[in-house]
N, C-alpha and C. Protein backbone atom coordinates (compact mmCIF):
# COMPACT_ATOMS: atom_id res chain seq x y z
N MET A 1 0.10 38.56 115.35
CA MET A 1 -0.94 38.04 114.51
C MET A 1 -1.00 38.80 113.19
N LEU A 2 -0.87 40.11 113.23
CA LEU A 2 -0.92 40.91 112.01
C LEU A 2 0.26 40.57 111.10
N ARG A 3 1.44 40.48 111.67
CA ARG A 3 2.63 40.16 110.87
C ARG A 3 2.51 38.77 110.25
N ARG A 4 2.06 37.81 111.05
CA ARG A 4 1.90 36.44 110.54
C ARG A 4 0.87 36.42 109.40
N GLY A 5 -0.22 37.12 109.59
CA GLY A 5 -1.25 37.18 108.56
C GLY A 5 -0.74 37.79 107.27
N TYR A 6 0.04 38.85 107.39
CA TYR A 6 0.61 39.50 106.20
C TYR A 6 1.55 38.54 105.48
N VAL A 7 2.48 37.96 106.21
CA VAL A 7 3.48 37.08 105.60
C VAL A 7 2.81 35.84 105.01
N ASP A 8 1.93 35.22 105.79
CA ASP A 8 1.27 34.01 105.30
C ASP A 8 0.41 34.29 104.06
N SER A 9 -0.34 35.38 104.08
CA SER A 9 -1.21 35.68 102.94
C SER A 9 -0.41 36.05 101.70
N ARG A 10 0.76 36.58 101.91
CA ARG A 10 1.60 36.96 100.77
C ARG A 10 2.31 35.77 100.15
N TYR A 11 2.75 34.84 100.96
CA TYR A 11 3.60 33.76 100.46
C TYR A 11 2.95 32.38 100.44
N LYS A 12 1.79 32.24 101.04
CA LYS A 12 1.12 30.94 101.05
C LYS A 12 -0.15 31.02 100.20
N MET A 13 -0.19 30.25 99.15
CA MET A 13 -1.33 30.28 98.24
C MET A 13 -2.61 29.76 98.90
N ASP A 14 -2.48 28.96 99.96
CA ASP A 14 -3.64 28.38 100.61
C ASP A 14 -3.98 29.05 101.94
N TYR A 15 -3.59 30.32 102.10
CA TYR A 15 -3.81 31.03 103.36
C TYR A 15 -5.31 31.20 103.62
N VAL A 16 -5.72 30.93 104.83
CA VAL A 16 -7.10 31.09 105.26
C VAL A 16 -7.08 31.75 106.65
N ILE A 17 -8.01 32.66 106.87
CA ILE A 17 -8.12 33.29 108.19
C ILE A 17 -9.55 33.05 108.72
N ALA A 18 -9.63 32.74 109.99
CA ALA A 18 -10.94 32.53 110.61
C ALA A 18 -11.63 33.87 110.81
N GLU A 19 -12.92 33.86 110.82
CA GLU A 19 -13.70 35.09 110.98
C GLU A 19 -13.36 35.81 112.29
N GLU A 20 -13.19 35.06 113.36
CA GLU A 20 -12.85 35.67 114.65
C GLU A 20 -11.47 36.33 114.61
N GLU A 21 -10.51 35.69 113.96
CA GLU A 21 -9.17 36.30 113.82
C GLU A 21 -9.26 37.58 113.00
N LEU A 22 -10.05 37.56 111.95
CA LEU A 22 -10.21 38.73 111.11
C LEU A 22 -10.83 39.88 111.90
N LYS A 23 -11.85 39.59 112.69
CA LYS A 23 -12.47 40.62 113.52
C LYS A 23 -11.47 41.20 114.51
N GLU A 24 -10.65 40.35 115.10
CA GLU A 24 -9.64 40.81 116.05
C GLU A 24 -8.62 41.72 115.35
N LEU A 25 -8.20 41.34 114.15
CA LEU A 25 -7.26 42.16 113.40
C LEU A 25 -7.87 43.51 113.04
N ILE A 26 -9.12 43.51 112.64
CA ILE A 26 -9.80 44.76 112.29
C ILE A 26 -9.82 45.68 113.51
N ASN A 27 -10.14 45.14 114.67
CA ASN A 27 -10.17 45.95 115.89
C ASN A 27 -8.79 46.49 116.24
N LYS A 28 -7.76 45.66 116.09
CA LYS A 28 -6.40 46.11 116.41
C LYS A 28 -5.93 47.20 115.45
N VAL A 29 -6.24 47.05 114.18
CA VAL A 29 -5.85 48.06 113.19
C VAL A 29 -6.59 49.37 113.46
N ALA A 30 -7.87 49.30 113.79
CA ALA A 30 -8.64 50.50 114.10
C ALA A 30 -8.04 51.22 115.31
N LYS A 31 -7.67 50.46 116.33
CA LYS A 31 -7.05 51.06 117.52
C LYS A 31 -5.71 51.71 117.17
N MET A 32 -4.92 51.03 116.35
CA MET A 32 -3.63 51.57 115.93
C MET A 32 -3.85 52.87 115.14
N GLN A 33 -4.87 52.93 114.30
CA GLN A 33 -5.17 54.14 113.55
C GLN A 33 -5.50 55.30 114.49
N GLU A 34 -6.29 55.03 115.51
CA GLU A 34 -6.64 56.06 116.49
C GLU A 34 -5.40 56.60 117.19
N ILE A 35 -4.51 55.71 117.60
CA ILE A 35 -3.29 56.12 118.29
C ILE A 35 -2.41 56.97 117.37
N VAL A 36 -2.21 56.51 116.16
CA VAL A 36 -1.37 57.24 115.21
C VAL A 36 -1.98 58.60 114.90
N ARG A 37 -3.29 58.66 114.69
CA ARG A 37 -3.95 59.94 114.40
C ARG A 37 -3.74 60.91 115.56
N SER A 38 -3.94 60.43 116.77
CA SER A 38 -3.78 61.28 117.95
C SER A 38 -2.34 61.79 118.08
N LEU A 39 -1.37 60.90 117.92
CA LEU A 39 0.03 61.31 118.02
C LEU A 39 0.41 62.31 116.94
N CYS A 40 -0.06 62.08 115.73
CA CYS A 40 0.25 63.02 114.64
C CYS A 40 -0.39 64.38 114.87
N GLU A 41 -1.63 64.39 115.34
CA GLU A 41 -2.29 65.66 115.62
C GLU A 41 -1.57 66.43 116.72
N GLU A 42 -1.13 65.72 117.75
CA GLU A 42 -0.37 66.37 118.82
C GLU A 42 0.92 66.97 118.29
N LYS A 43 1.62 66.23 117.46
CA LYS A 43 2.90 66.71 116.90
C LYS A 43 2.67 67.91 115.99
N ILE A 44 1.65 67.84 115.15
CA ILE A 44 1.35 68.96 114.26
C ILE A 44 1.00 70.20 115.06
N ASP A 45 0.19 70.03 116.11
CA ASP A 45 -0.17 71.17 116.96
C ASP A 45 1.06 71.76 117.64
N ALA A 46 1.95 70.90 118.12
CA ALA A 46 3.17 71.37 118.78
C ALA A 46 4.07 72.12 117.80
N LEU A 47 4.20 71.61 116.60
CA LEU A 47 5.01 72.28 115.60
C LEU A 47 4.40 73.61 115.20
N GLY A 48 3.08 73.63 115.08
CA GLY A 48 2.38 74.87 114.71
C GLY A 48 2.53 75.94 115.76
N ALA A 49 2.62 75.56 117.00
CA ALA A 49 2.75 76.53 118.09
C ALA A 49 4.14 77.18 118.09
N ASN A 50 5.13 76.51 117.53
CA ASN A 50 6.51 77.01 117.54
C ASN A 50 6.90 77.73 116.26
N ILE A 51 6.02 77.77 115.28
CA ILE A 51 6.36 78.41 114.01
C ILE A 51 5.85 79.86 114.05
N PRO A 52 6.78 80.83 113.89
CA PRO A 52 6.35 82.23 113.92
C PRO A 52 5.51 82.58 112.69
N ILE A 53 4.49 83.37 112.90
CA ILE A 53 3.62 83.80 111.80
C ILE A 53 4.25 85.02 111.14
N GLN A 54 4.35 85.00 109.81
CA GLN A 54 5.01 86.09 109.10
C GLN A 54 4.02 87.03 108.50
């Protein structure tokens, strides 16, 4: 749905999205942000634990 929305909104001058679809996309993007934030924080913490302090 996100990919279709991106492509359609970019290339179709008459693109329209329903309010329910928009709400669903907002929720999916928010969830994706949470996952990415968590994964990045875990990776940063892991890298920080392996770097010797000078």
